[in-house]
Protein backbone atom coordinates (compact mmCIF):
# COMPACT_ATOMS: atom_id res chain seq x y z
CA MET A 1 86.45 79.58 77.80
CA LYS A 2 87.43 76.04 78.71
CA ASN A 3 86.50 74.25 81.90
CA PHE A 4 89.26 71.88 83.00
CA GLN A 5 89.29 69.98 86.30
CA LEU A 6 86.94 72.49 87.92
CA LYS A 7 89.31 75.36 87.15
CA VAL A 8 88.19 78.08 84.81
CA VAL A 9 90.81 79.22 82.36
CA VAL A 10 90.22 82.30 80.29
CA VAL A 11 92.59 83.20 77.48
CA CYS A 12 92.65 86.83 76.42
CA THR A 13 94.76 88.25 73.65
CA MET A 14 95.57 91.93 73.89
CA GLU A 15 97.88 94.30 72.11
CA TYR A 16 100.62 95.53 74.40
CA PHE A 17 99.71 99.14 74.96
CA VAL A 18 102.82 100.55 73.30
CA GLY A 19 102.50 98.20 70.35
CA TYR A 20 105.58 96.18 71.26
CA TRP A 21 103.90 92.86 70.70
CA ALA A 22 100.70 90.98 71.36
CA SER A 23 100.69 88.75 74.38
CA VAL A 24 98.48 86.03 75.70
CA ILE A 25 97.19 86.24 79.22
CA VAL A 26 96.10 83.09 80.90
CA VAL A 27 94.53 83.50 84.31
CA VAL A 28 94.01 80.35 86.32
CA LEU A 29 92.02 79.66 89.49
CA GLY A 30 88.89 81.67 90.07
CA ILE A 31 86.37 82.80 87.50
CA VAL A 32 88.00 85.54 85.48
CA GLY A 33 86.03 87.02 82.63
CA ASP A 34 88.46 89.49 81.14
CA CYS A 35 92.14 90.34 81.14
CA HIS A 36 91.84 92.36 84.33
CA GLY A 37 89.72 89.98 86.40
CA ASP A 38 85.96 89.77 86.15
CA GLY A 39 84.37 91.27 89.23
CA LEU A 40 87.24 93.69 89.90
CA ARG A 41 86.45 97.34 89.45
CA LYS A 42 87.51 100.76 90.61
CA ASN A 43 85.97 101.95 93.87
CA PHE A 44 84.51 98.54 94.67
CA TYR A 45 84.00 99.64 98.30
CA LYS A 46 82.51 103.04 97.48
CA ASP A 47 79.12 102.15 98.99
CA SER A 48 79.92 99.24 101.34
CA CYS A 49 82.95 100.84 103.05
CA PRO A 50 83.62 104.31 101.62
CA LEU A 51 86.59 105.02 103.91
CA ALA A 52 88.42 101.77 103.06
CA GLU A 53 90.97 103.05 100.56
CA GLN A 54 91.65 106.18 102.58
CA ILE A 55 92.35 104.10 105.69
CA VAL A 56 94.72 101.82 103.77
CA ARG A 57 96.59 104.81 102.37
CA ASN A 58 96.83 106.70 105.67
CA ILE A 59 98.18 103.73 107.62
CA THR A 60 100.54 102.70 104.84
CA TRP A 61 101.95 106.20 104.40
CA THR A 62 102.44 106.58 108.14
CA ASN A 63 104.44 103.35 108.21
CA VAL A 64 106.50 104.19 105.12
CA ALA A 65 107.43 107.54 106.68
CA SER A 66 109.22 105.66 109.46
CA ASN A 67 110.30 102.63 107.41
CA PRO A 68 111.52 103.58 103.91
CA PHE A 69 112.12 99.93 103.02
CA LEU A 70 108.43 99.05 103.45
CA PRO A 71 107.57 99.62 99.75
CA ALA A 72 110.05 96.95 98.70
CA LYS A 73 108.82 94.60 101.41
CA LEU A 74 105.20 94.91 100.33
CA LEU A 75 106.07 94.53 96.65
CA ARG A 76 107.86 91.31 97.53
CA MET A 77 104.92 90.09 99.63
CA GLN A 78 102.51 90.77 96.78
CA PHE A 79 104.73 88.99 94.28
CA HIS A 80 105.09 85.95 96.55
CA ASP A 81 101.34 85.84 97.08
CA CYS A 82 100.27 86.19 93.45
CA PHE A 83 102.78 83.66 92.10
CA VAL A 84 101.52 80.75 94.19
CA ARG A 85 97.73 80.38 94.23
CA GLY A 86 96.97 83.78 92.76
CA CYS A 87 96.38 87.14 94.42
CA GLU A 88 94.15 85.86 97.22
CA ALA A 89 96.22 86.50 100.35
CA SER A 90 97.12 82.88 101.05
CA VAL A 91 100.62 84.10 101.95
CA LEU A 92 99.15 85.80 105.04
CA LEU A 93 97.73 82.63 106.61
CA ASN A 94 99.49 81.15 109.63
CA SER A 95 100.44 77.51 109.85
CA THR A 96 98.31 75.28 112.04
CA ALA A 97 98.93 72.03 113.88
CA ASP A 98 97.67 70.20 110.80
CA ASN A 99 99.17 72.32 108.04
CA THR A 100 102.37 74.16 107.16
CA ALA A 101 101.31 77.33 105.36
CA GLU A 102 103.04 79.31 102.59
CA LYS A 103 104.34 81.79 105.15
CA ASP A 104 106.62 79.10 106.58
CA ALA A 105 108.09 77.91 103.28
CA PHE A 106 111.78 78.84 103.00
CA PRO A 107 111.39 81.60 100.35
CA ASN A 108 108.81 83.33 102.57
CA LEU A 109 110.64 83.19 105.89
CA SER A 110 112.17 86.59 105.22
CA LEU A 111 108.92 88.28 104.17
CA GLU A 112 108.03 91.38 106.19
CA GLY A 113 105.14 93.81 106.36
CA PHE A 114 102.54 91.49 107.89
CA ASP A 115 102.17 93.88 110.83
CA VAL A 116 101.10 96.69 108.50
CA ILE A 117 98.45 94.50 106.86
CA ASP A 118 97.17 93.52 110.32
CA GLU A 119 97.12 97.15 111.45
CA ILE A 120 94.99 98.09 108.45
CA LYS A 121 92.60 95.20 109.04
CA THR A 122 92.25 96.16 112.71
CA GLN A 123 91.41 99.75 111.82
CA LEU A 124 88.86 98.58 109.25
CA ALA A 125 87.23 96.46 111.94
CA LYS A 126 86.72 99.59 114.04
CA ILE A 127 84.41 100.98 111.34
CA ASN A 128 82.66 97.62 110.85
CA CYS A 129 84.43 96.84 107.57
CA SER A 130 86.39 93.78 108.66
CA ASN A 131 83.85 91.51 106.94
CA ILE A 132 83.74 93.73 103.85
CA VAL A 133 87.31 94.54 102.77
CA SER A 134 89.39 91.51 101.82
CA CYS A 135 92.96 90.91 102.90
CA ALA A 136 93.84 90.36 99.23
CA ASP A 137 92.65 93.87 98.37
CA ILE A 138 94.51 95.27 101.37
CA ILE A 139 97.78 93.81 100.01
CA ALA A 140 97.11 95.25 96.55
CA LEU A 141 96.17 98.70 97.84
CA ALA A 142 98.88 98.94 100.49
CA THR A 143 101.59 97.90 98.04
CA ARG A 144 100.49 100.54 95.56
CA ASP A 145 100.27 103.18 98.28
CA ALA A 146 103.67 102.30 99.75
CA VAL A 147 105.41 102.74 96.39
CA SER A 148 103.39 105.91 95.76
CA PHE A 149 104.34 107.61 99.03
CA GLN A 150 107.48 109.34 97.77
CA TYR A 151 105.59 110.82 94.81
CA ASN A 152 102.47 111.82 96.78
CA ARG A 153 100.22 110.37 94.07
CA SER A 154 98.90 106.96 93.08
CA MET A 155 101.38 105.29 90.77
CA TRP A 156 98.82 102.84 89.39
CA THR A 157 95.12 102.08 89.68
CA VAL A 158 94.06 99.11 91.78
CA LYS A 159 90.76 97.57 90.84
CA THR A 160 89.24 95.96 93.91
CA GLY A 161 86.80 93.19 94.67
CA ARG A 162 89.24 90.36 95.37
CA ARG A 163 88.23 87.72 97.89
CA ASP A 164 90.48 85.71 100.18
CA GLY A 165 91.55 82.12 99.67
CA THR A 166 91.11 79.44 102.30
CA VAL A 167 94.05 77.19 101.40
CA SER A 168 97.74 77.86 102.04
CA LEU A 169 100.31 75.11 101.53
CA ALA A 170 104.06 75.47 101.93
CA SER A 171 104.47 72.62 99.48
CA GLU A 172 103.02 74.80 96.70
CA VAL A 173 105.58 77.58 97.06
CA ASN A 174 107.67 77.33 93.92
CA LEU A 175 108.74 80.87 93.15
CA PRO A 176 111.20 82.38 90.69
CA SER A 177 114.56 82.35 92.45
CA PRO A 178 117.46 84.82 92.74
CA PHE A 179 119.53 81.96 91.31
CA ASP A 180 117.37 81.39 88.22
CA ASP A 181 118.71 81.62 84.70
CA PHE A 182 116.77 83.33 81.92
CA ALA A 183 114.93 80.21 80.77
CA GLY A 184 113.67 79.56 84.30
CA LEU A 185 112.51 83.13 84.77
CA LYS A 186 110.77 83.30 81.42
CA GLN A 187 108.94 80.03 82.05
CA ALA A 188 107.87 81.05 85.56
CA PHE A 189 106.34 84.26 84.25
CA ALA A 190 104.79 82.57 81.22
CA ASP A 191 103.14 80.04 83.53
CA LYS A 192 101.32 82.97 85.12
CA GLY A 193 100.32 84.49 81.78
CA LEU A 194 102.95 87.23 81.95
CA SER A 195 105.05 88.23 78.96
CA LEU A 196 108.77 88.73 78.49
CA LYS A 197 108.23 92.46 78.74
CA ASP A 198 106.36 91.97 82.02
CA LEU A 199 109.35 89.97 83.31
CA VAL A 200 111.83 92.73 82.52
CA VAL A 201 109.58 95.58 83.66
CA LEU A 202 108.56 93.92 86.94
CA SER A 203 112.22 93.12 87.62
CA GLY A 204 112.53 96.89 87.81
CA ALA A 205 111.02 96.61 91.29
CA HIS A 206 114.60 95.80 92.31
CA THR A 207 115.25 99.52 92.05
CA ILE A 208 114.26 99.62 95.74
CA GLY A 209 115.03 97.33 98.64
CA ILE A 210 117.91 95.24 99.90
CA GLY A 211 119.37 91.82 99.24
CA ASN A 212 120.82 89.35 101.72
CA CYS A 213 124.38 88.14 101.11
CA GLU A 214 123.32 84.50 101.16
CA PHE A 215 121.42 85.02 97.90
CA PHE A 216 124.37 86.31 95.89
CA SER A 217 127.58 85.27 97.71
CA ASN A 218 127.92 82.33 95.31
CA ARG A 219 128.52 84.90 92.56
CA LEU A 220 131.46 86.23 94.55
CA TYR A 221 133.17 83.15 95.90
CA ASN A 222 132.11 79.98 94.14
CA PHE A 223 130.10 80.66 91.00
CA ASN A 224 128.65 77.45 89.56
CA GLY A 225 130.93 75.41 91.78
CA THR A 226 134.11 76.83 90.24
CA ASN A 227 136.23 76.54 93.38
CA GLY A 228 136.46 80.14 94.39
CA SER A 229 135.94 81.93 91.09
CA ALA A 230 133.53 84.86 90.79
CA ASP A 231 130.78 85.17 88.22
CA PRO A 232 132.55 86.58 85.14
CA SER A 233 129.40 88.51 84.19
CA LEU A 234 129.57 90.55 87.42
CA ASN A 235 131.40 93.87 87.24
CA SER A 236 134.78 93.13 88.84
CA THR A 237 134.96 96.43 90.72
CA TYR A 238 131.47 95.90 92.09
CA ALA A 239 132.35 92.30 93.00
CA SER A 240 135.35 93.52 94.97
CA PHE A 241 133.16 95.99 96.82
CA LEU A 242 130.60 93.30 97.64
CA LYS A 243 133.35 91.09 99.05
CA THR A 244 134.10 93.82 101.60
CA LYS A 245 130.48 93.48 102.77
CA CYS A 246 129.86 89.73 102.56
CA SER A 247 131.87 86.69 103.47
CA ALA A 248 131.22 83.38 101.72
CA THR A 249 129.09 82.18 104.63
CA ASP A 250 127.37 85.43 105.60
CA THR A 251 123.61 85.00 106.03
CA THR A 252 122.76 88.24 107.82
CA THR A 253 124.35 91.20 106.02
CA VAL A 254 122.23 93.08 103.49
CA VAL A 255 123.17 95.52 100.71
CA PRO A 256 121.04 97.75 98.45
CA LEU A 257 119.68 96.09 95.32
CA ASP A 258 120.23 99.33 93.40
CA PRO A 259 123.47 101.01 94.55
CA GLY A 260 123.07 104.76 94.83
CA SER A 261 119.29 104.71 94.38
CA GLY A 262 118.07 102.00 96.72
CA ARG A 263 115.24 104.02 98.26
CA THR A 264 113.95 105.72 95.13
CA PHE A 265 111.47 104.01 92.84
CA ASP A 266 112.79 104.88 89.37
CA ASN A 267 114.42 103.29 86.32
CA HIS A 268 117.97 103.41 87.72
CA TYR A 269 117.94 99.62 88.15
CA TYR A 270 118.38 99.24 84.40
CA THR A 271 121.37 101.60 84.42
CA ILE A 272 123.24 99.50 86.96
CA LEU A 273 122.13 96.33 85.17
CA LYS A 274 123.83 97.52 81.97
CA LEU A 275 126.96 98.13 84.05
CA ASN A 276 126.83 94.45 85.10
CA GLU A 277 126.00 95.45 88.65
CA GLY A 278 122.77 93.50 88.98
CA LEU A 279 123.00 91.91 92.42
CA PHE A 280 121.34 88.55 91.81
CA GLN A 281 122.02 85.96 89.18
CA SER A 282 118.40 86.43 88.10
CA ASP A 283 119.14 90.12 87.43
CA ALA A 284 122.17 89.36 85.30
CA ALA A 285 120.13 86.72 83.45
CA LEU A 286 118.08 89.46 81.78
CA LEU A 287 121.16 90.39 79.74
CA THR A 288 121.65 86.88 78.39
CA ASN A 289 118.69 87.05 76.00
CA ASP A 290 118.65 89.40 73.00
CA HIS A 291 115.00 90.45 73.35
CA ALA A 292 115.22 90.91 77.11
CA ARG A 293 118.41 92.95 76.71
CA GLU A 294 116.65 95.19 74.19
CA ILE A 295 113.91 95.87 76.75
CA VAL A 296 116.55 96.59 79.41
CA ASP A 297 118.11 99.11 77.03
CA GLU A 298 114.70 100.66 76.41
CA MET A 299 113.95 100.99 80.12
CA ALA A 300 117.40 102.43 80.83
CA THR A 301 117.07 105.18 78.23
CA THR A 302 113.45 106.15 78.77
CA THR A 303 112.23 108.74 81.27
CA ASN A 304 111.04 107.78 84.73
CA GLU A 305 107.49 108.72 83.76
CA GLU A 306 107.62 106.35 80.79
CA PHE A 307 109.00 103.59 83.02
CA PHE A 308 106.13 104.21 85.44
CA LYS A 309 103.67 103.67 82.57
CA TYR A 310 105.27 100.36 81.67
CA PHE A 311 105.36 99.28 85.32
CA ARG A 312 101.74 100.31 85.83
CA HIS A 313 100.68 98.14 82.92
CA SER A 314 102.67 95.07 84.02
CA ILE A 315 101.80 95.17 87.71
CA THR A 316 98.12 95.61 86.86
CA ARG A 317 98.37 92.35 84.93
CA MET A 318 100.22 90.64 87.77
CA ILE A 319 97.74 91.58 90.49
CA ALA A 320 94.92 90.05 88.44
CA ILE A 321 96.49 86.57 88.50
CA GLY A 322 94.07 83.99 89.86
CA VAL A 323 91.82 86.46 91.65
CA LEU A 324 88.80 85.12 93.51
CA THR A 325 85.63 87.15 93.04
CA GLY A 326 81.87 86.79 93.44
CA ASP A 327 81.10 83.91 95.78
CA SER A 328 84.56 82.31 95.62
CA GLY A 329 86.69 82.25 98.75
CA GLU A 330 85.75 84.44 101.69
CA ILE A 331 86.41 87.81 103.31
CA ARG A 332 88.65 86.92 106.25
CA GLN A 333 87.84 88.61 109.53
CA LYS A 334 91.50 88.23 110.49
CA CYS A 335 94.08 88.03 107.72
CA SER A 336 96.22 85.32 109.33
CA VAL A 337 93.44 82.75 109.83
CA ILE A 338 90.49 81.49 107.83
CA ASN A 339 87.06 82.28 109.19
CA PRO A 340 85.62 79.88 111.77
C-alpha cells in the first residue's frame, strides 16, 4: 500500500476467474483494502435497516414494469458516476450558485433515472433509514435490480456499505466517449483499474437501451471529416437504414443500440457487432484490436448464462471503483444535496 498525496492506492493482482489472464486492479480515492472494496459486504444493512434492499427492489421493479428502458438508464448513470470520482453518488448532486456539478456537464445532460433514486430515498426515509442507506448503494442496488427484473432473479451480488461523496465538479467529467477509438477506450478503462476483458464485457451493456442520432450521425454523413462519406466499417445496409431515421443534424431521434433485441439483456450485442452493426464508433472500435476482437468472438458464441457470469465479474469490479467506506464521506439525507 502506498500513500500518495493523501490518496490511498491499493494494488491487487488477481487471476481472472476463467483463467484468461491476470489483471491488476488499482482503486483510487477512499481506503480500499481488497479488490472488492474494504468495508463492503453482503447484507450490510441487515441489522441497521433490514428492509432496505427489499424496498429498493420493489420500487425499481415497479418502475421497470412501466419503463422498460430504465435498466439501460440506470446502467448508464452508474457508469457515469463510477468513472469520475468513484462510485460515491457525486453524479446525483445538483449544481449550486457557487458550483456546477457533474450532473450539468454535457455528457450527463441526457442522464435519466434520478426520479427513481429519489423515490427510493423518500421511501427509506419513511422507515427512518434515510440517514442509514447511502445514495451510492441505492444506485448500485437499483441498477442491479433493474437489469434483473426480466429474469426475476438477481443477476449479480452487490456488496454494500458505500458512503456518499461531498464533491461534484462538472470540470472533472471526462468519460469514455461514443466517438473514442480503441486506444482511448482501453486507456480510460485502465485508468480505473479495469482490464481489456472488462472493457469488452461491460460494453455488452449496449445490448439494451437507445442511442441518440447526434452521437453516431457522423458515421453516416461525414466520417472523420470526409465530406459526406460514411464510415467504411459500418455495415452498408445498416447505414442505409439509419439514414432513414437520422438526418445529419438530427439531435432528437433515438434508435435501439441492439437492433432486434434492444430490451433484452443478453449477448446479442456481440452478434450485431460482428455484423458491423455496432451503433457507435466506440462499439466498432472493439473490432480494431486483435485481443478485443477475440473476446467479442468469445462473447458472441457463448451462452447467455456464460455471458452473465462474465458481466457479473466485470461489473462487480467496476462498482468497487473509488468507494468511500468507514468514516469517509457521508450518508446524504437527500441524494441531490450534501448534508447541511
